[in-house]
Amino acid sequence: MKYKNSRKYVTSMIANEIGGPSQWIEYLLEPAEWPQKGDSYWIIIEDGTLRKAKFFDERIDTDILKFGNCFRTEKEAIKARNNVRSLLKGTIVISENKENTK
């Protein structure tokens, strides 16, 4: 038996089951924009230490997000911190195609 698990097939099956248009289901399946108020995130502070914070959608949070210093996981924040350290030490050159080279 071949399983039909494509997004289109699944949304049409759900729409048929609840009697609504599949566009509603597509909308409900879209991932929510992150972060939302109350979500936790990781930040690199001025001395390179990582801190976990809550997003309250206040100016400080939106400024951190706009600057790109807002990470979903500690692992992502560690990777970013290591890249920043390498960049500051001059061991990484950022090319225009955004690939890192040593």
Foldseek 3Di string as FASTA:
>chain_A
DDDDDDPVVVLVVVCVVVVHDSVVVVVVPDDDDPDDAQQKWWFQDDVRDIDIDGDHVDPVNVVCVVVPRTHNDPVVNVVVSVVVVCVVVVNWDQDPVRDTDD
